[in-house]
Structure formats: C-alpha cells, structure tokens
Amino acid sequence: MALNTNKNPKLYYSIKEVAQMVGVNESTLRYWETAFPQLKPKTLTTNKVRQYTEKDIEEIKVIYNLIKVRGFKIAAARNYLRENRQSVDKSAEVIDTLIGIRDQLKELKQHLDSLV
C-alpha cells in the first residue's frame, strides 16, 4: 500500500474557507462565479452549499492574480483567460512560488530577529 504524500487530504472546501485562503470576501467569490463561466463549484442540491475543489481554488487564484494583483477589469480578465490560458497559468504558478519564498524569508527574518 502506497503512502499518501498529499499534505491536505480534503476534497472539498466551503466558500468561507476558500475566501480566507485567497483573501477575498465570500460575496466576491459568488460574483466571480457569475462573471467567469469556467468557475463552477459543485453545489449540493439539498442545501445549496458550494463545494470547491483544488482545481476551483487554483482557478480562483488565477482570477485573483488578474483582477487584484495585475489590475484587470472583469471583462478584460475574462478575455485574457480565454485567449492566453497557458501564459496565465504559468504566470500564476510563478507568483505562487514567489509568494511562498517571500513567506519563508519573512519567517527566517523573524527567527533571526528573535536570536539577536
């Protein structure tokens, strides 16, 4: 039996969890669902609860990058996603890596400051 190396075994996330991960309001995520046709989280029919997968979260991060970081308008971001999908994915991946490195550097600085 193979060891599961996945750090987070959770399959679905609530809208509140995703909003906190990305750093936007829940209402912003609901709006983006209407503005971007590729963003369609699974909803349970009994109670209309949105369930986001890792793929949905990655899509939201790409949209966040275009709108909040790069300053695109909604229509421009939608067109850019449609026309330049590969470059958008690569750009989002690079930004995620850089943010991770920045966070590690901040932790290292805090650790060094506590030693002094």
PDB file of N, CA and C in Angstrom:
ATOM      1  N   MET A   1       0.837  -1.178   0.000  1.00  0.00           N
ATOM      2  CA  MET A   1       0.000   0.000   0.000  1.00  0.00           C
ATOM      3  C   MET A   1       0.889   1.251   0.000  1.00  0.00           C
ATOM      4  N   ALA A   2       0.616   2.173  -0.902  1.00  0.00           N
ATOM      5  CA  ALA A   2       1.425   3.378  -1.040  1.00  0.00           C
ATOM      6  C   ALA A   2       1.026   4.409   0.015  1.00  0.00           C
ATOM      7  N   LEU A   3       2.010   5.140   0.449  1.00  0.00           N
ATOM      8  CA  LEU A   3       1.795   6.197   1.428  1.00  0.00           C
ATOM      9  C   LEU A   3       1.239   7.428   0.714  1.00  0.00           C
ATOM     10  N   ASN A   4       0.194   7.993   1.259  1.00  0.00           N
ATOM     11  CA  ASN A   4      -0.389   9.198   0.685  1.00  0.00           C
ATOM     12  C   ASN A   4       0.477  10.390   1.062  1.00  0.00           C
ATOM     13  N   THR A   5       1.123  10.977   0.066  1.00  0.00           N
ATOM     14  CA  THR A   5       2.022  12.106   0.329  1.00  0.00           C
ATOM     15  C   THR A   5       1.305  13.441   0.219  1.00  0.00           C
ATOM     16  N   ASN A   6       0.019  13.426  -0.089  1.00  0.00           N
ATOM     17  CA  ASN A   6      -0.749  14.655  -0.196  1.00  0.00           C
ATOM     18  C   ASN A   6      -0.850  15.302   1.186  1.00  0.00           C
ATOM     19  N   LYS A   7      -0.421  16.556   1.298  1.00  0.00           N
ATOM     20  CA  LYS A   7      -0.414  17.235   2.587  1.00  0.00           C
ATOM     21  C   LYS A   7      -1.814  17.535   3.085  1.00  0.00           C
ATOM     22  N   ASN A   8      -2.748  17.755   2.179  1.00  0.00           N
ATOM     23  CA  ASN A   8      -4.099  18.110   2.574  1.00  0.00           C
ATOM     24  C   ASN A   8      -5.079  17.131   1.924  1.00  0.00           C
ATOM     25  N   PRO A   9      -5.581  16.162   2.674  1.00  0.00           N
ATOM     26  CA  PRO A   9      -6.442  15.145   2.078  1.00  0.00           C
ATOM     27  C   PRO A   9      -7.869  15.610   1.834  1.00  0.00           C
ATOM     28  N   LYS A  10      -8.198  16.845   2.137  1.00  0.00           N
ATOM     29  CA  LYS A  10      -9.552  17.353   1.987  1.00  0.00           C
ATOM     30  C   LYS A  10      -9.901  17.480   0.500  1.00  0.00           C
ATOM     31  N   LEU A  11     -11.083  16.991   0.122  1.00  0.00           N
ATOM     32  CA  LEU A  11     -11.504  17.037  -1.274  1.00  0.00           C
ATOM     33  C   LEU A  11     -12.281  18.311  -1.611  1.00  0.00           C
ATOM     34  N   TYR A  12     -13.086  18.776  -0.670  1.00  0.00           N
ATOM     35  CA  TYR A  12     -13.943  19.930  -0.917  1.00  0.00           C
ATOM     36  C   TYR A  12     -13.769  20.974   0.178  1.00  0.00           C
ATOM     37  N   TYR A  13     -13.900  22.235  -0.212  1.00  0.00           N
ATOM     38  CA  TYR A  13     -13.757  23.354   0.710  1.00  0.00           C
ATOM     39  C   TYR A  13     -15.013  24.212   0.641  1.00  0.00           C
ATOM     40  N   SER A  14     -15.385  24.816   1.756  1.00  0.00           N
ATOM     41  CA  SER A  14     -16.539  25.706   1.787  1.00  0.00           C
ATOM     42  C   SER A  14     -16.141  27.062   1.212  1.00  0.00           C
ATOM     43  N   ILE A  15     -17.139  27.869   0.904  1.00  0.00           N
ATOM     44  CA  ILE A  15     -16.869  29.193   0.359  1.00  0.00           C
ATOM     45  C   ILE A  15     -16.120  30.048   1.376  1.00  0.00           C
ATOM     46  N   LYS A  16     -16.406  29.867   2.652  1.00  0.00           N
ATOM     47  CA  LYS A  16     -15.723  30.620   3.701  1.00  0.00           C
ATOM     48  C   LYS A  16     -14.237  30.264   3.750  1.00  0.00           C
ATOM     49  N   GLU A  17     -13.936  28.970   3.658  1.00  0.00           N
ATOM     50  CA  GLU A  17     -12.538  28.527   3.672  1.00  0.00           C
ATOM     51  C   GLU A  17     -11.773  29.074   2.471  1.00  0.00           C
ATOM     52  N   VAL A  18     -12.400  29.017   1.306  1.00  0.00           N
ATOM     53  CA  VAL A  18     -11.746  29.484   0.085  1.00  0.00           C
ATOM     54  C   VAL A  18     -11.533  30.995   0.139  1.00  0.00           C
ATOM     55  N   ALA A  19     -12.524  31.720   0.632  1.00  0.00           N
ATOM     56  CA  ALA A  19     -12.397  33.175   0.750  1.00  0.00           C
ATOM     57  C   ALA A  19     -11.220  33.536   1.652  1.00  0.00           C
ATOM     58  N   GLN A  20     -11.050  32.803   2.746  1.00  0.00           N
ATOM     59  CA  GLN A  20      -9.931  33.062   3.649  1.00  0.00           C
ATOM     60  C   GLN A  20      -8.596  32.698   3.002  1.00  0.00           C
ATOM     61  N   MET A  21      -8.557  31.599   2.257  1.00  0.00           N
ATOM     62  CA  MET A  21      -7.320  31.186   1.583  1.00  0.00           C
ATOM     63  C   MET A  21      -6.850  32.241   0.597  1.00  0.00           C
ATOM     64  N   VAL A  22      -7.792  32.752  -0.185  1.00  0.00           N
ATOM     65  CA  VAL A  22      -7.447  33.663  -1.274  1.00  0.00           C
ATOM     66  C   VAL A  22      -7.337  35.105  -0.780  1.00  0.00           C
ATOM     67  N   GLY A  23      -8.108  35.458   0.240  1.00  0.00           N
ATOM     68  CA  GLY A  23      -8.068  36.815   0.764  1.00  0.00           C
ATOM     69  C   GLY A  23      -9.104  37.740   0.152  1.00  0.00           C
ATOM     70  N   VAL A  24     -10.273  37.192  -0.159  1.00  0.00           N
ATOM     71  CA  VAL A  24     -11.378  37.992  -0.679  1.00  0.00           C
ATOM     72  C   VAL A  24     -12.639  37.675   0.130  1.00  0.00           C
ATOM     73  N   ASN A  25     -13.674  38.469  -0.086  1.00  0.00           N
ATOM     74  CA  ASN A  25     -14.955  38.226   0.567  1.00  0.00           C
ATOM     75  C   ASN A  25     -15.698  37.087  -0.113  1.00  0.00           C
ATOM     76  N   GLU A  26     -16.607  36.468   0.618  1.00  0.00           N
ATOM     77  CA  GLU A  26     -17.441  35.415   0.044  1.00  0.00           C
ATOM     78  C   GLU A  26     -18.303  35.970  -1.088  1.00  0.00           C
ATOM     79  N   SER A  27     -18.769  37.203  -0.934  1.00  0.00           N
ATOM     80  CA  SER A  27     -19.590  37.816  -1.981  1.00  0.00           C
ATOM     81  C   SER A  27     -18.787  38.020  -3.266  1.00  0.00           C
ATOM     82  N   THR A  28     -17.496  38.289  -3.130  1.00  0.00           N
ATOM     83  CA  THR A  28     -16.636  38.425  -4.316  1.00  0.00           C
ATOM     84  C   THR A  28     -16.553  37.101  -5.056  1.00  0.00           C
ATOM     85  N   LEU A  29     -16.405  36.005  -4.313  1.00  0.00           N
ATOM     86  CA  LEU A  29     -16.364  34.689  -4.958  1.00  0.00           C
ATOM     87  C   LEU A  29     -17.677  34.393  -5.664  1.00  0.00           C
ATOM     88  N   ARG A  30     -18.795  34.729  -5.037  1.00  0.00           N
ATOM     89  CA  ARG A  30     -20.096  34.496  -5.682  1.00  0.00           C
ATOM     90  C   ARG A  30     -20.205  35.304  -6.973  1.00  0.00           C
ATOM     91  N   TYR A  31     -19.732  36.548  -6.938  1.00  0.00           N
ATOM     92  CA  TYR A  31     -19.771  37.376  -8.131  1.00  0.00           C
ATOM     93  C   TYR A  31     -18.878  36.802  -9.227  1.00  0.00           C
ATOM     94  N   TRP A  32     -17.675  36.364  -8.858  1.00  0.00           N
ATOM     95  CA  TRP A  32     -16.767  35.791  -9.849  1.00  0.00           C
ATOM     96  C   TRP A  32     -17.372  34.554 -10.487  1.00  0.00           C
ATOM     97  N   GLU A  33     -18.187  33.802  -9.745  1.00  0.00           N
ATOM     98  CA  GLU A  33     -18.845  32.629 -10.329  1.00  0.00           C
ATOM     99  C   GLU A  33     -19.781  33.038 -11.459  1.00  0.00           C
ATOM    100  N   THR A  34     -20.413  34.194 -11.333  1.00  0.00           N
ATOM    101  CA  THR A  34     -21.306  34.654 -12.398  1.00  0.00           C
ATOM    102  C   THR A  34     -20.521  35.270 -13.553  1.00  0.00           C
ATOM    103  N   ALA A  35     -19.375  35.866 -13.260  1.00  0.00           N
ATOM    104  CA  ALA A  35     -18.591  36.567 -14.278  1.00  0.00           C
ATOM    105  C   ALA A  35     -17.678  35.647 -15.082  1.00  0.00           C
ATOM    106  N   PHE A  36     -17.251  34.542 -14.485  1.00  0.00           N
ATOM    107  CA  PHE A  36     -16.317  33.631 -15.153  1.00  0.00           C
ATOM    108  C   PHE A  36     -16.972  32.267 -15.308  1.00  0.00           C
ATOM    109  N   PRO A  37     -17.338  31.903 -16.525  1.00  0.00           N
ATOM    110  CA  PRO A  37     -18.057  30.636 -16.738  1.00  0.00           C
ATOM    111  C   PRO A  37     -17.261  29.392 -16.360  1.00  0.00           C
ATOM    112  N   GLN A  38     -15.940  29.466 -16.362  1.00  0.00           N
ATOM    113  CA  GLN A  38     -15.132  28.296 -16.016  1.00  0.00           C
ATOM    114  C   GLN A  38     -15.108  28.028 -14.509  1.00  0.00           C
ATOM    115  N   LEU A  39     -15.584  28.964 -13.718  1.00  0.00           N
ATOM    116  CA  LEU A  39     -15.596  28.822 -12.264  1.00  0.00           C
ATOM    117  C   LEU A  39     -16.982  28.354 -11.823  1.00  0.00           C
ATOM    118  N   LYS A  40     -17.127  27.055 -11.662  1.00  0.00           N
ATOM    119  CA  LYS A  40     -18.403  26.466 -11.262  1.00  0.00           C
ATOM    120  C   LYS A  40     -18.181  25.438 -10.164  1.00  0.00           C
ATOM    121  N   PRO A  41     -18.237  25.860  -8.897  1.00  0.00           N
ATOM    122  CA  PRO A  41     -18.074  24.875  -7.821  1.00  0.00           C
ATOM    123  C   PRO A  41     -19.288  23.949  -7.758  1.00  0.00           C
ATOM    124  N   LYS A  42     -19.053  22.789  -7.210  1.00  0.00           N
ATOM    125  CA  LYS A  42     -20.129  21.823  -7.031  1.00  0.00           C
ATOM    126  C   LYS A  42     -21.069  22.349  -5.950  1.00  0.00           C
ATOM    127  N   THR A  43     -22.370  22.222  -6.176  1.00  0.00           N
ATOM    128  CA  THR A  43     -23.328  22.629  -5.148  1.00  0.00           C
ATOM    129  C   THR A  43     -24.203  21.439  -4.793  1.00  0.00           C
ATOM    130  N   LEU A  44     -24.447  21.306  -3.509  1.00  0.00           N
ATOM    131  CA  LEU A  44     -25.340  20.257  -3.037  1.00  0.00           C
ATOM    132  C   LEU A  44     -26.772  20.736  -3.218  1.00  0.00           C
ATOM    133  N   THR A  45     -27.599  19.922  -3.830  1.00  0.00           N
ATOM    134  CA  THR A  45     -28.961  20.336  -4.138  1.00  0.00           C
ATOM    135  C   THR A  45     -29.826  20.482  -2.895  1.00  0.00           C
ATOM    136  N   THR A  46     -29.524  19.732  -1.847  1.00  0.00           N
ATOM    137  CA  THR A  46     -30.375  19.784  -0.665  1.00  0.00           C
ATOM    138  C   THR A  46     -30.270  21.107   0.079  1.00  0.00           C
ATOM    139  N   ASN A  47     -29.073  21.665   0.196  1.00  0.00           N
ATOM    140  CA  ASN A  47     -28.922  22.896   0.965  1.00  0.00           C
ATOM    141  C   ASN A  47     -28.157  23.988   0.230  1.00  0.00           C
ATOM    142  N   LYS A  48     -27.884  23.820  -1.058  1.00  0.00           N
ATOM    143  CA  LYS A  48     -27.233  24.829  -1.911  1.00  0.00           C
ATOM    144  C   LYS A  48     -25.868  25.285  -1.393  1.00  0.00           C
ATOM    145  N   VAL A  49     -25.140  24.389  -0.771  1.00  0.00           N
ATOM    146  CA  VAL A  49     -23.806  24.706  -0.252  1.00  0.00           C
ATOM    147  C   VAL A  49     -22.786  24.512  -1.363  1.00  0.00           C
ATOM    148  N   ARG A  50     -21.968  25.527  -1.574  1.00  0.00           N
ATOM    149  CA  ARG A  50     -20.915  25.427  -2.589  1.00  0.00           C
ATOM    150  C   ARG A  50     -19.777  24.583  -2.040  1.00  0.00           C
ATOM    151  N   GLN A  51     -19.236  23.727  -2.900  1.00  0.00           N
ATOM    152  CA  GLN A  51     -18.094  22.901  -2.535  1.00  0.00           C
ATOM    153  C   GLN A  51     -17.016  23.096  -3.594  1.00  0.00           C
ATOM    154  N   TYR A  52     -15.906  23.686  -3.184  1.00  0.00           N
ATOM    155  CA  TYR A  52     -14.810  23.989  -4.088  1.00  0.00           C
ATOM    156  C   TYR A  52     -13.759  22.888  -4.023  1.00  0.00           C
ATOM    157  N   THR A  53     -13.247  22.508  -5.193  1.00  0.00           N
ATOM    158  CA  THR A  53     -12.160  21.539  -5.274  1.00  0.00           C
ATOM    159  C   THR A  53     -10.836  22.294  -5.389  1.00  0.00           C
ATOM    160  N   GLU A  54      -9.733  21.554  -5.338  1.00  0.00           N
ATOM    161  CA  GLU A  54      -8.412  22.169  -5.524  1.00  0.00           C
ATOM    162  C   GLU A  54      -8.341  22.862  -6.884  1.00  0.00           C
ATOM    163  N   LYS A  55      -8.943  22.256  -7.904  1.00  0.00           N
ATOM    164  CA  LYS A  55      -8.940  22.847  -9.246  1.00  0.00           C
ATOM    165  C   LYS A  55      -9.675  24.186  -9.240  1.00  0.00           C
ATOM    166  N   ASP A  56     -10.817  24.246  -8.543  1.00  0.00           N
ATOM    167  CA  ASP A  56     -11.566  25.500  -8.433  1.00  0.00           C
ATOM    168  C   ASP A  56     -10.727  26.566  -7.733  1.00  0.00           C
ATOM    169  N   ILE A  57     -10.022  26.168  -6.684  1.00  0.00           N
ATOM    170  CA  ILE A  57      -9.201  27.115  -5.926  1.00  0.00           C
ATOM    171  C   ILE A  57      -8.066  27.651  -6.791  1.00  0.00           C
ATOM    172  N   GLU A  58      -7.461  26.794  -7.587  1.00  0.00           N
ATOM    173  CA  GLU A  58      -6.399  27.250  -8.497  1.00  0.00           C
ATOM    174  C   GLU A  58      -6.970  28.247  -9.508  1.00  0.00           C
ATOM    175  N   GLU A  59      -8.165  27.994 -10.005  1.00  0.00           N
ATOM    176  CA  GLU A  59      -8.819  28.905 -10.949  1.00  0.00           C
ATOM    177  C   GLU A  59      -9.089  30.249 -10.273  1.00  0.00           C
ATOM    178  N   ILE A  60      -9.524  30.218  -9.028  1.00  0.00           N
ATOM    179  CA  ILE A  60      -9.787  31.446  -8.280  1.00  0.00           C
ATOM    180  C   ILE A  60      -8.499  32.224  -8.069  1.00  0.00           C
ATOM    181  N   LYS A  61      -7.411  31.531  -7.799  1.00  0.00           N
ATOM    182  CA  LYS A  61      -6.120  32.213  -7.612  1.00  0.00           C
ATOM    183  C   LYS A  61      -5.674  32.903  -8.895  1.00  0.00           C
ATOM    184  N   VAL A  62      -5.934  32.275 -10.027  1.00  0.00           N
ATOM    185  CA  VAL A  62      -5.588  32.885 -11.319  1.00  0.00           C
ATOM    186  C   VAL A  62      -6.429  34.145 -11.530  1.00  0.00           C
ATOM    187  N   ILE A  63      -7.725  34.043 -11.239  1.00  0.00           N
ATOM    188  CA  ILE A  63      -8.617  35.197 -11.388  1.00  0.00           C
ATOM    189  C   ILE A  63      -8.193  36.308 -10.432  1.00  0.00           C
ATOM    190  N   TYR A  64      -7.872  35.943  -9.207  1.00  0.00           N
ATOM    191  CA  TYR A  64      -7.402  36.919  -8.216  1.00  0.00           C
ATOM    192  C   TYR A  64      -6.160  37.643  -8.730  1.00  0.00           C
ATOM    193  N   ASN A  65      -5.227  36.880  -9.279  1.00  0.00           N
ATOM    194  CA  ASN A  65      -3.998  37.463  -9.814  1.00  0.00           C
ATOM    195  C   ASN A  65      -4.312  38.490 -10.901  1.00  0.00           C
ATOM    196  N   LEU A  66      -5.198  38.135 -11.794  1.00  0.00           N
ATOM    197  CA  LEU A  66      -5.514  39.043 -12.894  1.00  0.00           C
ATOM    198  C   LEU A  66      -6.220  40.311 -12.405  1.00  0.00           C
ATOM    199  N   ILE A  67      -7.179  40.147 -11.497  1.00  0.00           N
ATOM    200  CA  ILE A  67      -8.003  41.280 -11.091  1.00  0.00           C
ATOM    201  C   ILE A  67      -7.353  42.104  -9.983  1.00  0.00           C
ATOM    202  N   LYS A  68      -6.938  41.447  -8.923  1.00  0.00           N
ATOM    203  CA  LYS A  68      -6.446  42.179  -7.750  1.00  0.00           C
ATOM    204  C   LYS A  68      -4.974  42.562  -7.861  1.00  0.00           C
ATOM    205  N   VAL A  69      -4.150  41.690  -8.428  1.00  0.00           N
ATOM    206  CA  VAL A  69      -2.710  41.966  -8.496  1.00  0.00           C
ATOM    207  C   VAL A  69      -2.364  42.780  -9.741  1.00  0.00           C
ATOM    208  N   ARG A  70      -2.869  42.338 -10.880  1.00  0.00           N
ATOM    209  CA  ARG A  70      -2.492  42.995 -12.132  1.00  0.00           C
ATOM    210  C   ARG A  70      -3.439  44.115 -12.545  1.00  0.00           C
ATOM    211  N   GLY A  71      -4.583  44.244 -11.867  1.00  0.00           N
ATOM    212  CA  GLY A  71      -5.483  45.370 -12.096  1.00  0.00           C
ATOM    213  C   GLY A  71      -6.390  45.267 -13.309  1.00  0.00           C
ATOM    214  N   PHE A  72      -6.657  44.058 -13.787  1.00  0.00           N
ATOM    215  CA  PHE A  72      -7.543  43.889 -14.927  1.00  0.00           C
ATOM    216  C   PHE A  72      -8.986  44.147 -14.512  1.00  0.00           C
ATOM    217  N   LYS A  73      -9.788  44.647 -15.417  1.00  0.00           N
ATOM    218  CA  LYS A  73     -11.239  44.718 -15.226  1.00  0.00           C
ATOM    219  C   LYS A  73     -11.794  43.310 -15.461  1.00  0.00           C
ATOM    220  N   ILE A  74     -13.018  43.068 -15.032  1.00  0.00           N
ATOM    221  CA  ILE A  74     -13.617  41.728 -15.142  1.00  0.00           C
ATOM    222  C   ILE A  74     -13.646  41.264 -16.600  1.00  0.00           C
ATOM    223  N   ALA A  75     -14.148  42.101 -17.491  1.00  0.00           N
ATOM    224  CA  ALA A  75     -14.253  41.710 -18.904  1.00  0.00           C
ATOM    225  C   ALA A  75     -12.873  41.454 -19.512  1.00  0.00           C
ATOM    226  N   ALA A  76     -11.915  42.283 -19.165  1.00  0.00           N
ATOM    227  CA  ALA A  76     -10.561  42.099 -19.690  1.00  0.00           C
ATOM    228  C   ALA A  76      -9.943  40.809 -19.156  1.00  0.00           C
ATOM    229  N   ALA A  77     -10.175  40.511 -17.883  1.00  0.00           N
ATOM    230  CA  ALA A  77      -9.657  39.272 -17.305  1.00  0.00           C
ATOM    231  C   ALA A  77     -10.302  38.058 -17.970  1.00  0.00           C
ATOM    232  N   ARG A  78     -11.594  38.128 -18.210  1.00  0.00           N
ATOM    233  CA  ARG A  78     -12.303  37.027 -18.872  1.00  0.00           C
ATOM    234  C   ARG A  78     -11.738  36.799 -20.276  1.00  0.00           C
ATOM    235  N   ASN A  79     -11.529  37.871 -21.035  1.00  0.00           N
ATOM    236  CA  ASN A  79     -10.948  37.754 -22.379  1.00  0.00           C
ATOM    237  C   ASN A  79      -9.519  37.236 -22.324  1.00  0.00           C
ATOM    238  N   TYR A  80      -8.748  37.745 -21.390  1.00  0.00           N
ATOM    239  CA  TYR A  80      -7.353  37.323 -21.256  1.00  0.00           C
ATOM    240  C   TYR A  80      -7.279  35.837 -20.934  1.00  0.00           C
ATOM    241  N   LEU A  81      -8.150  35.376 -20.053  1.00  0.00           N
ATOM    242  CA  LEU A  81      -8.182  33.949 -19.725  1.00  0.00           C
ATOM    243  C   LEU A  81      -8.534  33.112 -20.956  1.00  0.00           C
ATOM    244  N   ARG A  82      -9.475  33.584 -21.722  1.00  0.00           N
ATOM    245  CA  ARG A  82      -9.920  32.839 -22.900  1.00  0.00           C
ATOM    246  C   ARG A  82      -8.815  32.762 -23.960  1.00  0.00           C
ATOM    247  N   GLU A  83      -8.094  33.863 -24.149  1.00  0.00           N
ATOM    248  CA  GLU A  83      -7.113  33.927 -25.231  1.00  0.00           C
ATOM    249  C   GLU A  83      -5.714  33.460 -24.838  1.00  0.00           C
ATOM    250  N   ASN A  84      -5.326  33.637 -23.598  1.00  0.00           N
ATOM    251  CA  ASN A  84      -3.949  33.374 -23.186  1.00  0.00           C
ATOM    252  C   ASN A  84      -3.884  32.425 -22.002  1.00  0.00           C
ATOM    253  N   ARG A  85      -4.598  31.350 -22.036  1.00  0.00           N
ATOM    254  CA  ARG A  85      -4.719  30.460 -20.886  1.00  0.00           C
ATOM    255  C   ARG A  85      -3.364  29.918 -20.413  1.00  0.00           C
ATOM    256  N   GLN A  86      -2.516  29.497 -21.310  1.00  0.00           N
ATOM    257  CA  GLN A  86      -1.241  28.900 -20.914  1.00  0.00           C
ATOM    258  C   GLN A  86      -0.336  29.913 -20.218  1.00  0.00           C
ATOM    259  N   SER A  87      -0.254  31.121 -20.752  1.00  0.00           N
ATOM    260  CA  SER A  87       0.602  32.118 -20.121  1.00  0.00           C
ATOM    261  C   SER A  87       0.038  32.560 -18.775  1.00  0.00           C
ATOM    262  N   VAL A  88      -1.281  32.578 -18.643  1.00  0.00           N
ATOM    263  CA  VAL A  88      -1.906  32.931 -17.370  1.00  0.00           C
ATOM    264  C   VAL A  88      -1.581  31.882 -16.324  1.00  0.00           C
ATOM    265  N   ASP A  89      -1.685  30.605 -16.686  1.00  0.00           N
ATOM    266  CA  ASP A  89      -1.374  29.522 -15.748  1.00  0.00           C
ATOM    267  C   ASP A  89       0.081  29.596 -15.297  1.00  0.00           C
ATOM    268  N   LYS A  90       0.976  29.827 -16.235  1.00  0.00           N
ATOM    269  CA  LYS A  90       2.403  29.903 -15.905  1.00  0.00           C
ATOM    270  C   LYS A  90       2.676  31.102 -15.000  1.00  0.00           C
ATOM    271  N   SER A  91       2.073  32.229 -15.311  1.00  0.00           N
ATOM    272  CA  SER A  91       2.250  33.433 -14.507  1.00  0.00           C
ATOM    273  C   SER A  91       1.741  33.223 -13.088  1.00  0.00           C
ATOM    274  N   ALA A  92       0.581  32.596 -12.947  1.00  0.00           N
ATOM    275  CA  ALA A  92       0.018  32.342 -11.617  1.00  0.00           C
ATOM    276  C   ALA A  92       0.913  31.391 -10.828  1.00  0.00           C
ATOM    277  N   GLU A  93       1.479  30.409 -11.508  1.00  0.00           N
ATOM    278  CA  GLU A  93       2.381  29.459 -10.849  1.00  0.00           C
ATOM    279  C   GLU A  93       3.634  30.173 -10.339  1.00  0.00           C
ATOM    280  N   VAL A  94       4.182  31.052 -11.148  1.00  0.00           N
ATOM    281  CA  VAL A  94       5.377  31.804 -10.749  1.00  0.00           C
ATOM    282  C   VAL A  94       5.061  32.700  -9.556  1.00  0.00           C
ATOM    283  N   ILE A  95       3.925  33.365  -9.589  1.00  0.00           N
ATOM    284  CA  ILE A  95       3.548  34.250  -8.490  1.00  0.00           C
ATOM    285  C   ILE A  95       3.347  33.459  -7.207  1.00  0.00           C
ATOM    286  N   ASP A  96       2.689  32.294  -7.281  1.00  0.00           N
ATOM    287  CA  ASP A  96       2.516  31.450  -6.097  1.00  0.00           C
ATOM    288  C   ASP A  96       3.868  31.042  -5.512  1.00  0.00           C
ATOM    289  N   THR A  97       4.809  30.689  -6.379  1.00  0.00           N
ATOM    290  CA  THR A  97       6.143  30.307  -5.918  1.00  0.00           C
ATOM    291  C   THR A  97       6.836  31.482  -5.238  1.00  0.00           C
ATOM    292  N   LEU A  98       6.746  32.647  -5.834  1.00  0.00           N
ATOM    293  CA  LEU A  98       7.377  33.831  -5.246  1.00  0.00           C
ATOM    294  C   LEU A  98       6.741  34.209  -3.904  1.00  0.00           C
ATOM    295  N   ILE A  99       5.442  34.079  -3.797  1.00  0.00           N
ATOM    296  CA  ILE A  99       4.769  34.368  -2.530  1.00  0.00           C
ATOM    297  C   ILE A  99       5.228  33.381  -1.455  1.00  0.00           C
ATOM    298  N   GLY A 100       5.375  32.119  -1.833  1.00  0.00           N
ATOM    299  CA  GLY A 100       5.875  31.116  -0.887  1.00  0.00           C
ATOM    300  C   GLY A 100       7.286  31.433  -0.415  1.00  0.00           C
ATOM    301  N   ILE A 101       8.132  31.856  -1.342  1.00  0.00           N
ATOM    302  CA  ILE A 101       9.509  32.219  -0.990  1.00  0.00           C
ATOM    303  C   ILE A 101       9.508  33.436  -0.076  1.00  0.00           C
ATOM    304  N   ARG A 102       8.668  34.417  -0.391  1.00  0.00           N
ATOM    305  CA  ARG A 102       8.584  35.608   0.457  1.00  0.00           C
ATOM    306  C   ARG A 102       8.167  35.240   1.885  1.00  0.00           C
ATOM    307  N   ASP A 103       7.183  34.364   2.012  1.00  0.00           N
ATOM    308  CA  ASP A 103       6.720  33.940   3.336  1.00  0.00           C
ATOM    309  C   ASP A 103       7.826  33.222   4.102  1.00  0.00           C
ATOM    310  N   GLN A 104       8.585  32.387   3.410  1.00  0.00           N
ATOM    311  CA  GLN A 104       9.698  31.694   4.054  1.00  0.00           C
ATOM    312  C   GLN A 104      10.769  32.682   4.508  1.00  0.00           C
ATOM    313  N   LEU A 105      11.046  33.689   3.691  1.00  0.00           N
ATOM    314  CA  LEU A 105      12.032  34.701   4.055  1.00  0.00           C
ATOM    315  C   LEU A 105      11.572  35.517   5.262  1.00  0.00           C
ATOM    316  N   LYS A 106      10.274  35.819   5.321  1.00  0.00           N
ATOM    317  CA  LYS A 106       9.740  36.535   6.480  1.00  0.00           C
ATOM    318  C   LYS A 106       9.899  35.712   7.752  1.00  0.00           C
ATOM    319  N   GLU A 107       9.611  34.415   7.660  1.00  0.00           N
ATOM    320  CA  GLU A 107       9.773  33.533   8.820  1.00  0.00           C
ATOM    321  C   GLU A 107      11.236  33.474   9.251  1.00  0.00           C
ATOM    322  N   LEU A 108      12.123  33.371   8.291  1.00  0.00           N
ATOM    323  CA  LEU A 108      13.550  33.330   8.585  1.00  0.00           C
ATOM    324  C   LEU A 108      14.012  34.626   9.251  1.00  0.00           C
ATOM    325  N   LYS A 109      13.526  35.762   8.748  1.00  0.00           N
ATOM    326  CA  LYS A 109      13.875  37.051   9.343  1.00  0.00           C
ATOM    327  C   LYS A 109      13.367  37.135  10.780  1.00  0.00           C
ATOM    328  N   GLN A 110      12.136  36.694  11.016  1.00  0.00           N
ATOM    329  CA  GLN A 110      11.599  36.708  12.381  1.00  0.00           C
ATOM    330  C   GLN A 110      12.442  35.832  13.300  1.00  0.00           C
ATOM    331  N   HIS A 111      12.836  34.694  12.803  1.00  0.00           N
ATOM    332  CA  HIS A 111      13.667  33.789  13.593  1.00  0.00           C
ATOM    333  C   HIS A 111      15.020  34.437  13.908  1.00  0.00           C
ATOM    334  N   LEU A 112      15.626  35.056  12.920  1.00  0.00           N
ATOM    335  CA  LEU A 112      16.913  35.727  13.129  1.00  0.00           C
ATOM    336  C   LEU A 112      16.772  36.912  14.082  1.00  0.00           C
ATOM    337  N   ASP A 113      15.675  37.671  13.964  1.00  0.00           N
ATOM    338  CA  ASP A 113      15.453  38.794  14.866  1.00  0.00           C
ATOM    339  C   ASP A 113      15.280  38.335  16.301  1.00  0.00           C
ATOM    340  N   SER A 114      14.671  37.173  16.487  1.00  0.00           N
ATOM    341  CA  SER A 114      14.459  36.676  17.851  1.00  0.00           C
ATOM    342  C   SER A 114      15.786  36.210  18.474  1.00  0.00           C
ATOM    343  N   LEU A 115      16.769  35.866  17.660  1.00  0.00           N
ATOM    344  CA  LEU A 115      18.068  35.435  18.168  1.00  0.00           C
ATOM    345  C   LEU A 115      18.926  36.602  18.620  1.00  0.00           C
ATOM    346  N   VAL A 116      18.691  37.770  18.026  1.00  0.00           N
ATOM    347  CA  VAL A 116      19.526  38.940  18.309  1.00  0.00           C
ATOM    348  C   VAL A 116      19.094  39.639  19.549  1.00  0.00           C
TER     349      VAL A 116
END
